Amino acid sequence: MMDGINNKKVTAYYHLPGLFEFYEFYKVFLPVYRKHREYFYDWCEIGSIYGAPTDCLWGGGRIEFGEVSAKDVLALMKEYNISARLTFSNSQLKKEHLDDKRCNELCELFSKSEGNKNGVIVHSDLLLDYLRQNYKNLYYVSSTTKVLKKFEDFYDEVKREEFSYVVPDFRLNKMFHNLKKMTQFQKDKVEFLCNECCWFGCKDRKRCYEEVSYRNFGEKGLGHHCMAPNAKEGYRFSKAMKNPAFISVKDIREKYIPMRFSNFKIEGRGLGNALLLEFLLYYMTKPEYQINVREEIYLDNMLDLF
C-alpha cells in the first residue's frame, strides 16, 4: 500500500500471539495463507509470532500454555520464513534466575536457528544485559509490560540502541501529534498493540503484570485482582473495539501507514483458537474471503482445533 506521502509502498507487519500455545492452529492456518494469498490483504505480512512454553521462569505478560517442542516450533517458522520471539518479559527477575536451564536452552536454540532472525521480548534490563552477552544472534523487543504511559519515557526507550522494537503502552497509540514527529528510523522500531481490552483508565496495569511474573516463579504473587469495570467478562473483541486506543484496519491503512509506521502487535495468548482466528480474519483477511478462510480452517480441522 502506498503511504500517501512519499508514494512509496509500506507493508504492515503483524506480530501474532501463541508461538507454542497455537502451534497446531498455525500448522493449519499458514498453509492456507501461503496457498491462497489472494484471500489476504496485499499490504500486510506476518512479521513474527511470539510466545513461550508452559512454566518458563523468565516468562511474563501472560501465563503461558503449550507443550510442543521448541524444535518443532522453529521448524514451522523456518518453513514459512517467519521470525519467532520468546516472551521473556518477567519483571521480577533476580541474578539467581539467570542460570535457569530451560530458558537458556531455549535461547540457545532460537539464537542458532537457521532462517529468519529470532528475538526475545524483555522487560528486565538485568536479563537484557545477560542475553546480549550470551546470545548475540538474537534481537530484542522492549515489552509493553513496562507500562510507559508518558510519551517522553516511551521516546527515550525507542532511542535505546539495544532494542530493535519497542511496544508502547496502548494508551499512547493515538498520540499522533507526538508520533508524527519521530524520525523514520524511530518509527520503524515502534510496534503498536492493536487490540488491547484492558480498561483505558486502569491505574494498576503494572501490578497485573507483576502478579503474572510472581506466578511464573510458582509464587502466589501480590494478591492483586483487576478492578476494571466488567473485568469478570474476560476478553471480548467487541469490547476491545470500543477501547479509545483500539487500532482498526481502517486506522492502519488511513492513519498509521500514511505516517509510515509498519509494526502492529496482536494480543491473544490464552484466548483460544477461535478468537485467534477472528483476529486474523479481521486484521489480515479481505471481507469477501473471510468465509473461505473459515471453511478452510473449520471444515477440515474442527475436531482438532475447536
C-alpha atoms as a PDB file:
ATOM      1  CA  MET A   1       0.000   0.000   0.000  1.00  0.00           C
ATOM      2  CA  MET A   2       1.344   3.449  -0.898  1.00  0.00           C
ATOM      3  CA  ASP A   3       1.966   5.675   2.111  1.00  0.00           C
ATOM      4  CA  GLY A   4       0.307   8.718   0.566  1.00  0.00           C
ATOM      5  CA  ILE A   5       3.272  10.947   1.408  1.00  0.00           C
ATOM      6  CA  ASN A   6       6.247   9.677  -0.494  1.00  0.00           C
ATOM      7  CA  ASN A   7       4.288   7.486  -2.914  1.00  0.00           C
ATOM      8  CA  LYS A   8       6.275   4.578  -1.546  1.00  0.00           C
ATOM      9  CA  LYS A   9       4.901   1.148  -0.705  1.00  0.00           C
ATOM     10  CA  VAL A  10       4.657   0.472   3.034  1.00  0.00           C
ATOM     11  CA  THR A  11       3.903  -3.014   4.366  1.00  0.00           C
ATOM     12  CA  ALA A  12       2.141  -3.560   7.682  1.00  0.00           C
ATOM     13  CA  TYR A  13       3.832  -6.338   9.652  1.00  0.00           C
ATOM     14  CA  TYR A  14       1.678  -8.179  12.182  1.00  0.00           C
ATOM     15  CA  HIS A  15       3.229  -9.772  15.237  1.00  0.00           C
ATOM     16  CA  LEU A  16       0.956 -12.620  16.256  1.00  0.00           C
ATOM     17  CA  PRO A  17       0.397 -14.447  19.581  1.00  0.00           C
ATOM     18  CA  GLY A  18       0.802 -18.037  20.701  1.00  0.00           C
ATOM     19  CA  LEU A  19       4.039 -19.375  19.235  1.00  0.00           C
ATOM     20  CA  PHE A  20       3.765 -22.541  21.332  1.00  0.00           C
ATOM     21  CA  GLU A  21       0.173 -22.362  22.508  1.00  0.00           C
ATOM     22  CA  PHE A  22      -1.306 -22.088  18.989  1.00  0.00           C
ATOM     23  CA  TYR A  23       1.242 -24.253  17.204  1.00  0.00           C
ATOM     24  CA  GLU A  24      -1.408 -26.695  15.929  1.00  0.00           C
ATOM     25  CA  PHE A  25      -3.550 -23.800  14.707  1.00  0.00           C
ATOM     26  CA  TYR A  26      -0.665 -22.220  12.803  1.00  0.00           C
ATOM     27  CA  LYS A  27       0.112 -25.601  11.215  1.00  0.00           C
ATOM     28  CA  VAL A  28      -3.323 -25.320   9.622  1.00  0.00           C
ATOM     29  CA  PHE A  29      -3.510 -21.568   9.020  1.00  0.00           C
ATOM     30  CA  LEU A  30      -0.088 -20.928   7.488  1.00  0.00           C
ATOM     31  CA  PRO A  31      -0.601 -23.323   4.535  1.00  0.00           C
ATOM     32  CA  VAL A  32      -3.871 -21.508   3.767  1.00  0.00           C
ATOM     33  CA  TYR A  33      -2.074 -18.172   3.984  1.00  0.00           C
ATOM     34  CA  ARG A  34       0.593 -19.369   1.552  1.00  0.00           C
ATOM     35  CA  LYS A  35      -1.657 -21.229  -0.882  1.00  0.00           C
ATOM     36  CA  HIS A  36      -4.386 -18.583  -1.049  1.00  0.00           C
ATOM     37  CA  ARG A  37      -2.521 -15.320  -0.666  1.00  0.00           C
ATOM     38  CA  GLU A  38      -5.336 -13.690  -2.669  1.00  0.00           C
ATOM     39  CA  TYR A  39      -7.606 -14.147   0.357  1.00  0.00           C
ATOM     40  CA  PHE A  40      -5.487 -11.710   2.350  1.00  0.00           C
ATOM     41  CA  TYR A  41      -4.664  -8.019   2.072  1.00  0.00           C
ATOM     42  CA  ASP A  42      -1.625  -7.441  -0.104  1.00  0.00           C
ATOM     43  CA  TRP A  43      -0.430  -4.604   2.129  1.00  0.00           C
ATOM     44  CA  CYS A  44       0.252  -6.830   5.158  1.00  0.00           C
ATOM     45  CA  GLU A  45       2.572  -9.676   6.129  1.00  0.00           C
ATOM     46  CA  ILE A  46       3.293 -11.754   9.227  1.00  0.00           C
ATOM     47  CA  GLY A  47       6.315 -10.185  10.902  1.00  0.00           C
ATOM     48  CA  SER A  48       6.700 -12.616  13.784  1.00  0.00           C
ATOM     49  CA  ILE A  49       4.895 -14.997  16.106  1.00  0.00           C
ATOM     50  CA  TYR A  50       5.615 -14.678  19.822  1.00  0.00           C
ATOM     51  CA  GLY A  51       5.195 -16.805  22.933  1.00  0.00           C
ATOM     52  CA  ALA A  52       6.885 -19.249  25.294  1.00  0.00           C
ATOM     53  CA  PRO A  53       6.260 -22.796  26.544  1.00  0.00           C
ATOM     54  CA  THR A  54       4.466 -23.597  29.779  1.00  0.00           C
ATOM     55  CA  ASP A  55       6.259 -22.890  33.075  1.00  0.00           C
ATOM     56  CA  CYS A  56       9.098 -20.704  31.824  1.00  0.00           C
ATOM     57  CA  LEU A  57      10.711 -18.898  34.737  1.00  0.00           C
ATOM     58  CA  TRP A  58      11.558 -15.877  32.581  1.00  0.00           C
ATOM     59  CA  GLY A  59       8.054 -15.686  31.129  1.00  0.00           C
ATOM     60  CA  GLY A  60       5.819 -12.676  31.639  1.00  0.00           C
ATOM     61  CA  GLY A  61       2.818 -10.757  30.406  1.00  0.00           C
ATOM     62  CA  ARG A  62       0.568 -13.826  30.492  1.00  0.00           C
ATOM     63  CA  ILE A  63       0.665 -17.298  31.991  1.00  0.00           C
ATOM     64  CA  GLU A  64       1.805 -19.388  29.033  1.00  0.00           C
ATOM     65  CA  PHE A  65       0.349 -22.600  27.661  1.00  0.00           C
ATOM     66  CA  GLY A  66       1.861 -25.010  25.173  1.00  0.00           C
ATOM     67  CA  GLU A  67       3.890 -28.182  25.484  1.00  0.00           C
ATOM     68  CA  VAL A  68       5.088 -28.570  21.881  1.00  0.00           C
ATOM     69  CA  SER A  69       8.835 -28.914  21.408  1.00  0.00           C
ATOM     70  CA  ALA A  70      10.852 -25.820  20.531  1.00  0.00           C
ATOM     71  CA  LYS A  71      12.468 -27.678  17.636  1.00  0.00           C
ATOM     72  CA  ASP A  72       9.070 -28.321  16.062  1.00  0.00           C
ATOM     73  CA  VAL A  73       8.074 -24.695  16.542  1.00  0.00           C
ATOM     74  CA  LEU A  74      11.265 -23.412  14.956  1.00  0.00           C
ATOM     75  CA  ALA A  75      10.930 -25.850  12.056  1.00  0.00           C
ATOM     76  CA  LEU A  76       7.459 -24.467  11.311  1.00  0.00           C
ATOM     77  CA  MET A  77       8.661 -20.877  11.480  1.00  0.00           C
ATOM     78  CA  LYS A  78      11.588 -21.681   9.204  1.00  0.00           C
ATOM     79  CA  GLU A  79       9.279 -23.345   6.677  1.00  0.00           C
ATOM     80  CA  TYR A  80       7.230 -20.152   6.395  1.00  0.00           C
ATOM     81  CA  ASN A  81      10.117 -17.718   6.843  1.00  0.00           C
ATOM     82  CA  ILE A  82       8.646 -16.153   9.990  1.00  0.00           C
ATOM     83  CA  SER A  83      10.628 -14.743  12.916  1.00  0.00           C
ATOM     84  CA  ALA A  84       9.997 -16.440  16.281  1.00  0.00           C
ATOM     85  CA  ARG A  85      10.021 -14.438  19.504  1.00  0.00           C
ATOM     86  CA  LEU A  86      10.285 -15.646  23.079  1.00  0.00           C
ATOM     87  CA  THR A  87       8.189 -13.704  25.598  1.00  0.00           C
ATOM     88  CA  PHE A  88      10.664 -13.464  28.451  1.00  0.00           C
ATOM     89  CA  SER A  89       9.151 -10.321  29.953  1.00  0.00           C
ATOM     90  CA  ASN A  90       9.186 -11.271  33.635  1.00  0.00           C
ATOM     91  CA  SER A  91       9.659  -8.018  35.557  1.00  0.00           C
ATOM     92  CA  GLN A  92      10.828  -9.571  38.845  1.00  0.00           C
ATOM     93  CA  LEU A  93      13.929 -11.458  37.763  1.00  0.00           C
ATOM     94  CA  LYS A  94      16.983 -11.543  40.004  1.00  0.00           C
ATOM     95  CA  LYS A  95      20.544 -12.586  39.270  1.00  0.00           C
ATOM     96  CA  GLU A  96      19.987 -16.127  40.554  1.00  0.00           C
ATOM     97  CA  HIS A  97      17.244 -16.637  37.972  1.00  0.00           C
ATOM     98  CA  LEU A  98      19.623 -16.126  35.046  1.00  0.00           C
ATOM     99  CA  ASP A  99      21.009 -19.659  35.404  1.00  0.00           C
ATOM    100  CA  ASP A 100      17.648 -21.257  34.617  1.00  0.00           C
ATOM    101  CA  LYS A 101      18.486 -24.233  32.403  1.00  0.00           C
ATOM    102  CA  ARG A 102      15.276 -24.401  30.413  1.00  0.00           C
ATOM    103  CA  CYS A 103      15.201 -20.739  29.429  1.00  0.00           C
ATOM    104  CA  ASN A 104      18.880 -20.760  28.480  1.00  0.00           C
ATOM    105  CA  GLU A 105      18.372 -23.834  26.315  1.00  0.00           C
ATOM    106  CA  LEU A 106      15.507 -22.101  24.521  1.00  0.00           C
ATOM    107  CA  CYS A 107      17.622 -19.022  23.866  1.00  0.00           C
ATOM    108  CA  GLU A 108      20.422 -21.217  22.581  1.00  0.00           C
ATOM    109  CA  LEU A 109      18.055 -22.942  20.133  1.00  0.00           C
ATOM    110  CA  PHE A 110      16.488 -19.703  18.963  1.00  0.00           C
ATOM    111  CA  SER A 111      19.843 -17.985  18.508  1.00  0.00           C
ATOM    112  CA  LYS A 112      21.242 -20.825  16.380  1.00  0.00           C
ATOM    113  CA  SER A 113      18.133 -21.489  14.312  1.00  0.00           C
ATOM    114  CA  GLU A 114      18.596 -21.047  10.577  1.00  0.00           C
ATOM    115  CA  GLY A 115      16.308 -18.809   8.552  1.00  0.00           C
ATOM    116  CA  ASN A 116      14.750 -15.618   9.852  1.00  0.00           C
ATOM    117  CA  LYS A 117      16.482 -13.998  12.791  1.00  0.00           C
ATOM    118  CA  ASN A 118      14.652 -14.664  16.054  1.00  0.00           C
ATOM    119  CA  GLY A 119      14.061 -12.384  19.015  1.00  0.00           C
ATOM    120  CA  VAL A 120      13.221 -12.072  22.688  1.00  0.00           C
ATOM    121  CA  ILE A 121      10.663  -9.742  24.259  1.00  0.00           C
ATOM    122  CA  VAL A 122      12.132  -8.473  27.539  1.00  0.00           C
ATOM    123  CA  HIS A 123      11.223  -6.301  30.499  1.00  0.00           C
ATOM    124  CA  SER A 124      14.210  -6.714  32.800  1.00  0.00           C
ATOM    125  CA  ASP A 125      17.431  -4.866  31.968  1.00  0.00           C
ATOM    126  CA  LEU A 126      19.230  -7.491  34.020  1.00  0.00           C
ATOM    127  CA  LEU A 127      18.010 -10.177  31.621  1.00  0.00           C
ATOM    128  CA  LEU A 128      18.630  -7.971  28.584  1.00  0.00           C
ATOM    129  CA  ASP A 129      22.297  -7.484  29.505  1.00  0.00           C
ATOM    130  CA  TYR A 130      22.698 -11.211  30.140  1.00  0.00           C
ATOM    131  CA  LEU A 131      21.117 -12.195  26.826  1.00  0.00           C
ATOM    132  CA  ARG A 132      23.104  -9.675  24.809  1.00  0.00           C
ATOM    133  CA  GLN A 133      26.303 -11.047  26.284  1.00  0.00           C
ATOM    134  CA  ASN A 134      25.470 -14.702  25.736  1.00  0.00           C
ATOM    135  CA  TYR A 135      23.167 -14.874  22.673  1.00  0.00           C
ATOM    136  CA  LYS A 136      24.447 -12.377  20.157  1.00  0.00           C
ATOM    137  CA  ASN A 137      22.332 -13.619  17.220  1.00  0.00           C
ATOM    138  CA  LEU A 138      19.025 -12.627  18.813  1.00  0.00           C
ATOM    139  CA  TYR A 139      17.265  -9.279  18.555  1.00  0.00           C
ATOM    140  CA  TYR A 140      15.389  -7.677  21.431  1.00  0.00           C
ATOM    141  CA  VAL A 141      11.961  -6.131  21.888  1.00  0.00           C
ATOM    142  CA  SER A 142      11.092  -3.792  24.758  1.00  0.00           C
ATOM    143  CA  SER A 143       7.929  -5.164  26.343  1.00  0.00           C
ATOM    144  CA  THR A 144       4.699  -3.250  26.813  1.00  0.00           C
ATOM    145  CA  THR A 145       4.701  -4.677  30.363  1.00  0.00           C
ATOM    146  CA  LYS A 146       6.920  -1.719  31.303  1.00  0.00           C
ATOM    147  CA  VAL A 147       3.732   0.372  31.089  1.00  0.00           C
ATOM    148  CA  LEU A 148       5.474   3.511  29.843  1.00  0.00           C
ATOM    149  CA  LYS A 149       2.443   5.799  29.932  1.00  0.00           C
ATOM    150  CA  LYS A 150       4.347   9.040  29.422  1.00  0.00           C
ATOM    151  CA  PHE A 151       5.328   9.708  25.840  1.00  0.00           C
ATOM    152  CA  GLU A 152       8.707  11.087  26.959  1.00  0.00           C
ATOM    153  CA  ASP A 153       9.569   7.807  28.683  1.00  0.00           C
ATOM    154  CA  PHE A 154       8.495   5.812  25.650  1.00  0.00           C
ATOM    155  CA  TYR A 155      10.505   8.091  23.362  1.00  0.00           C
ATOM    156  CA  ASP A 156      13.614   7.535  25.500  1.00  0.00           C
ATOM    157  CA  GLU A 157      13.038   3.785  25.206  1.00  0.00           C
ATOM    158  CA  VAL A 158      12.859   3.995  21.413  1.00  0.00           C
ATOM    159  CA  LYS A 159      16.218   5.754  21.383  1.00  0.00           C
ATOM    160  CA  ARG A 160      17.912   2.850  23.172  1.00  0.00           C
ATOM    161  CA  GLU A 161      20.111   1.050  20.661  1.00  0.00           C
ATOM    162  CA  GLU A 162      19.673  -2.317  22.409  1.00  0.00           C
ATOM    163  CA  PHE A 163      16.128  -2.627  21.120  1.00  0.00           C
ATOM    164  CA  SER A 164      15.047  -3.416  17.580  1.00  0.00           C
ATOM    165  CA  TYR A 165      11.407  -2.796  18.533  1.00  0.00           C
ATOM    166  CA  VAL A 166       9.568  -1.073  21.376  1.00  0.00           C
ATOM    167  CA  VAL A 167       5.925  -1.796  22.234  1.00  0.00           C
ATOM    168  CA  PRO A 168       4.402   1.299  23.860  1.00  0.00           C
ATOM    169  CA  ASP A 169       1.635   1.281  26.410  1.00  0.00           C
ATOM    170  CA  PHE A 170      -1.607   1.069  24.431  1.00  0.00           C
ATOM    171  CA  ARG A 171      -2.713   4.457  25.735  1.00  0.00           C
ATOM    172  CA  LEU A 172      -0.059   6.128  23.591  1.00  0.00           C
ATOM    173  CA  ASN A 173      -1.498   4.645  20.376  1.00  0.00           C
ATOM    174  CA  LYS A 174      -3.406   7.751  19.326  1.00  0.00           C
ATOM    175  CA  MET A 175      -0.903  10.433  20.315  1.00  0.00           C
ATOM    176  CA  PHE A 176      -0.454  11.342  16.656  1.00  0.00           C
ATOM    177  CA  HIS A 177       0.845  14.847  17.359  1.00  0.00           C
ATOM    178  CA  ASN A 178       3.927  13.335  19.032  1.00  0.00           C
ATOM    179  CA  LEU A 179       4.183  10.202  16.911  1.00  0.00           C
ATOM    180  CA  LYS A 180       4.423  12.055  13.623  1.00  0.00           C
ATOM    181  CA  LYS A 181       7.473  13.968  14.868  1.00  0.00           C
ATOM    182  CA  MET A 182       9.555  10.797  15.155  1.00  0.00           C
ATOM    183  CA  THR A 183      12.252  10.073  12.605  1.00  0.00           C
ATOM    184  CA  GLN A 184      11.742   7.229  10.156  1.00  0.00           C
ATOM    185  CA  PHE A 185      14.356   5.138  11.949  1.00  0.00           C
ATOM    186  CA  GLN A 186      12.414   5.603  15.189  1.00  0.00           C
ATOM    187  CA  LYS A 187       9.072   4.853  13.538  1.00  0.00           C
ATOM    188  CA  ASP A 188      10.443   1.574  12.234  1.00  0.00           C
ATOM    189  CA  LYS A 189      11.082   0.498  15.844  1.00  0.00           C
ATOM    190  CA  VAL A 190       7.571   1.224  17.147  1.00  0.00           C
ATOM    191  CA  GLU A 191       5.239  -1.770  17.464  1.00  0.00           C
ATOM    192  CA  PHE A 192       1.685  -0.774  18.364  1.00  0.00           C
ATOM    193  CA  LEU A 193      -0.545  -3.048  20.470  1.00  0.00           C
ATOM    194  CA  CYS A 194      -3.769  -3.017  18.434  1.00  0.00           C
ATOM    195  CA  ASN A 195      -6.483  -4.952  20.241  1.00  0.00           C
ATOM    196  CA  GLU A 196      -5.988  -4.371  23.953  1.00  0.00           C
ATOM    197  CA  CYS A 197      -9.137  -4.953  26.005  1.00  0.00           C
ATOM    198  CA  CYS A 198      -7.808  -3.512  29.279  1.00  0.00           C
ATOM    199  CA  TRP A 199      -9.706  -0.547  30.702  1.00  0.00           C
ATOM    200  CA  PHE A 200      -8.240   2.673  29.278  1.00  0.00           C
ATOM    201  CA  GLY A 201      -8.360   4.329  32.694  1.00  0.00           C
ATOM    202  CA  CYS A 202      -6.612   1.478  34.526  1.00  0.00           C
ATOM    203  CA  LYS A 203      -4.012   2.611  37.067  1.00  0.00           C
ATOM    204  CA  ASP A 204      -2.984  -0.910  38.137  1.00  0.00           C
ATOM    205  CA  ARG A 205      -1.821  -2.384  34.829  1.00  0.00           C
ATOM    206  CA  LYS A 206       1.770  -2.652  36.004  1.00  0.00           C
ATOM    207  CA  ARG A 207       0.637  -4.537  39.127  1.00  0.00           C
ATOM    208  CA  CYS A 208      -1.222  -7.028  36.918  1.00  0.00           C
ATOM    209  CA  TYR A 209       1.994  -7.814  35.067  1.00  0.00           C
ATOM    210  CA  GLU A 210       3.932  -8.076  38.328  1.00  0.00           C
ATOM    211  CA  GLU A 211       1.358 -10.607  39.552  1.00  0.00           C
ATOM    212  CA  VAL A 212       1.955 -12.768  36.464  1.00  0.00           C
ATOM    213  CA  SER A 213       5.728 -12.508  36.963  1.00  0.00           C
ATOM    214  CA  TYR A 214       5.493 -13.836  40.511  1.00  0.00           C
ATOM    215  CA  ARG A 215       3.181 -16.646  39.442  1.00  0.00           C
ATOM    216  CA  ASN A 216       5.755 -17.732  36.863  1.00  0.00           C
ATOM    217  CA  PHE A 217       8.084 -18.278  39.831  1.00  0.00           C
ATOM    218  CA  GLY A 218       5.440 -20.578  41.322  1.00  0.00           C
ATOM    219  CA  GLU A 219       4.613 -17.973  43.972  1.00  0.00           C
ATOM    220  CA  LYS A 220       1.209 -16.623  44.967  1.00  0.00           C
ATOM    221  CA  GLY A 221       2.109 -13.097  43.967  1.00  0.00           C
ATOM    222  CA  LEU A 222       0.763  -9.904  45.490  1.00  0.00           C
ATOM    223  CA  GLY A 223      -2.871 -10.937  45.629  1.00  0.00           C
ATOM    224  CA  HIS A 224      -3.770  -8.289  43.074  1.00  0.00           C
ATOM    225  CA  HIS A 225      -7.184  -8.523  41.412  1.00  0.00           C
ATOM    226  CA  CYS A 226      -8.278  -6.473  38.426  1.00  0.00           C
ATOM    227  CA  MET A 227     -10.833  -3.843  39.453  1.00  0.00           C
ATOM    228  CA  ALA A 228     -11.682  -2.648  35.940  1.00  0.00           C
ATOM    229  CA  PRO A 229     -15.367  -2.323  35.002  1.00  0.00           C
ATOM    230  CA  ASN A 230     -16.713  -5.635  33.632  1.00  0.00           C
ATOM    231  CA  ALA A 231     -13.400  -7.371  34.311  1.00  0.00           C
ATOM    232  CA  LYS A 232     -15.223 -10.619  35.109  1.00  0.00           C
ATOM    233  CA  GLU A 233     -16.335 -10.853  31.468  1.00  0.00           C
ATOM    234  CA  GLY A 234     -12.779 -11.556  30.418  1.00  0.00           C
ATOM    235  CA  TYR A 235     -11.553 -10.637  26.964  1.00  0.00           C
ATOM    236  CA  ARG A 236     -14.161  -9.596  24.387  1.00  0.00           C
ATOM    237  CA  PHE A 237     -13.029  -8.467  20.948  1.00  0.00           C
ATOM    238  CA  SER A 238     -16.223  -6.439  20.664  1.00  0.00           C
ATOM    239  CA  LYS A 239     -15.239  -4.622  23.859  1.00  0.00           C
ATOM    240  CA  ALA A 240     -11.678  -4.100  22.653  1.00  0.00           C
ATOM    241  CA  MET A 241     -13.048  -2.442  19.519  1.00  0.00           C
ATOM    242  CA  LYS A 242     -14.686   0.216  21.698  1.00  0.00           C
ATOM    243  CA  ASN A 243     -11.466   0.972  23.554  1.00  0.00           C
ATOM    244  CA  PRO A 244     -10.220   4.524  22.772  1.00  0.00           C
ATOM    245  CA  ALA A 245      -6.804   3.020  21.974  1.00  0.00           C
ATOM    246  CA  PHE A 246      -8.106   0.343  19.594  1.00  0.00           C
ATOM    247  CA  ILE A 247      -6.327   0.309  16.236  1.00  0.00           C
ATOM    248  CA  SER A 248      -8.665  -0.783  13.478  1.00  0.00           C
ATOM    249  CA  VAL A 249      -7.827  -1.969   9.989  1.00  0.00           C
ATOM    250  CA  LYS A 250      -9.047   1.411   8.743  1.00  0.00           C
ATOM    251  CA  ASP A 251      -6.712   3.165  11.196  1.00  0.00           C
ATOM    252  CA  ILE A 252      -3.754   1.144   9.952  1.00  0.00           C
ATOM    253  CA  ARG A 253      -4.487   1.888   6.318  1.00  0.00           C
ATOM    254  CA  GLU A 254      -5.550   5.527   6.634  1.00  0.00           C
ATOM    255  CA  LYS A 255      -3.510   6.821   9.585  1.00  0.00           C
ATOM    256  CA  TYR A 256      -0.518   4.698  10.536  1.00  0.00           C
ATOM    257  CA  ILE A 257       0.719   3.609   7.124  1.00  0.00           C
ATOM    258  CA  PRO A 258       0.493   7.151   5.702  1.00  0.00           C
ATOM    259  CA  MET A 259       2.604   8.201   8.715  1.00  0.00           C
ATOM    260  CA  ARG A 260       4.954   5.340   7.763  1.00  0.00           C
ATOM    261  CA  PHE A 261       4.505   3.147  10.832  1.00  0.00           C
ATOM    262  CA  SER A 262       4.592  -0.515   9.928  1.00  0.00           C
ATOM    263  CA  ASN A 263       4.597  -2.787  13.003  1.00  0.00           C
ATOM    264  CA  PHE A 264       1.437  -3.933  14.772  1.00  0.00           C
ATOM    265  CA  LYS A 265       1.108  -6.411  17.623  1.00  0.00           C
ATOM    266  CA  ILE A 266      -1.999  -8.549  18.097  1.00  0.00           C
ATOM    267  CA  GLU A 267      -2.533  -9.793  21.643  1.00  0.00           C
ATOM    268  CA  GLY A 268      -4.278 -13.099  22.245  1.00  0.00           C
ATOM    269  CA  ARG A 269      -2.239 -15.572  24.292  1.00  0.00           C
ATOM    270  CA  GLY A 270      -4.590 -17.638  26.433  1.00  0.00           C
ATOM    271  CA  LEU A 271      -7.702 -16.675  24.464  1.00  0.00           C
ATOM    272  CA  GLY A 272      -8.072 -19.833  22.358  1.00  0.00           C
ATOM    273  CA  ASN A 273      -8.042 -20.747  18.683  1.00  0.00           C
ATOM    274  CA  ALA A 274     -11.487 -19.326  17.895  1.00  0.00           C
ATOM    275  CA  LEU A 275     -10.589 -15.788  18.958  1.00  0.00           C
ATOM    276  CA  LEU A 276      -7.212 -16.007  17.263  1.00  0.00           C
ATOM    277  CA  LEU A 277      -8.987 -16.869  14.026  1.00  0.00           C
ATOM    278  CA  GLU A 278     -11.273 -13.843  14.466  1.00  0.00           C
ATOM    279  CA  PHE A 279      -8.238 -11.591  14.846  1.00  0.00           C
ATOM    280  CA  LEU A 280      -6.668 -12.994  11.672  1.00  0.00           C
ATOM    281  CA  LEU A 281      -9.919 -12.619   9.780  1.00  0.00           C
ATOM    282  CA  TYR A 282     -10.378  -9.035  10.896  1.00  0.00           C
ATOM    283  CA  TYR A 283      -6.807  -7.765  10.519  1.00  0.00           C
ATOM    284  CA  MET A 284      -5.498  -9.762   7.561  1.00  0.00           C
ATOM    285  CA  THR A 285      -8.345 -11.212   5.512  1.00  0.00           C
ATOM    286  CA  LYS A 286     -10.324  -9.457   2.784  1.00  0.00           C
ATOM    287  CA  PRO A 287     -14.020  -9.397   3.828  1.00  0.00           C
ATOM    288  CA  GLU A 288     -15.160 -11.235   0.719  1.00  0.00           C
ATOM    289  CA  TYR A 289     -12.813 -14.133   1.508  1.00  0.00           C
ATOM    290  CA  GLN A 290     -13.386 -14.469   5.236  1.00  0.00           C
ATOM    291  CA  ILE A 291     -15.898 -17.266   4.678  1.00  0.00           C
ATOM    292  CA  ASN A 292     -13.318 -19.121   2.581  1.00  0.00           C
ATOM    293  CA  VAL A 293     -10.740 -18.943   5.337  1.00  0.00           C
ATOM    294  CA  ARG A 294     -13.290 -20.068   7.924  1.00  0.00           C
ATOM    295  CA  GLU A 295     -14.203 -23.044   5.767  1.00  0.00           C
ATOM    296  CA  GLU A 296     -10.558 -23.989   5.213  1.00  0.00           C
ATOM    297  CA  ILE A 297      -9.959 -23.922   8.963  1.00  0.00           C
ATOM    298  CA  TYR A 298     -13.247 -25.242  10.347  1.00  0.00           C
ATOM    299  CA  LEU A 299     -14.408 -27.907   7.899  1.00  0.00           C
ATOM    300  CA  ASP A 300     -11.212 -29.911   7.759  1.00  0.00           C
ATOM    301  CA  ASN A 301      -9.930 -29.308  11.268  1.00  0.00           C
ATOM    302  CA  MET A 302     -12.877 -28.604  13.571  1.00  0.00           C
ATOM    303  CA  LEU A 303     -12.384 -31.618  15.812  1.00  0.00           C
ATOM    304  CA  ASP A 304      -8.687 -30.974  16.269  1.00  0.00           C
ATOM    305  CA  LEU A 305      -8.725 -27.219  16.844  1.00  0.00           C
ATOM    306  CA  PHE A 306     -12.060 -26.143  18.301  1.00  0.00           C
END
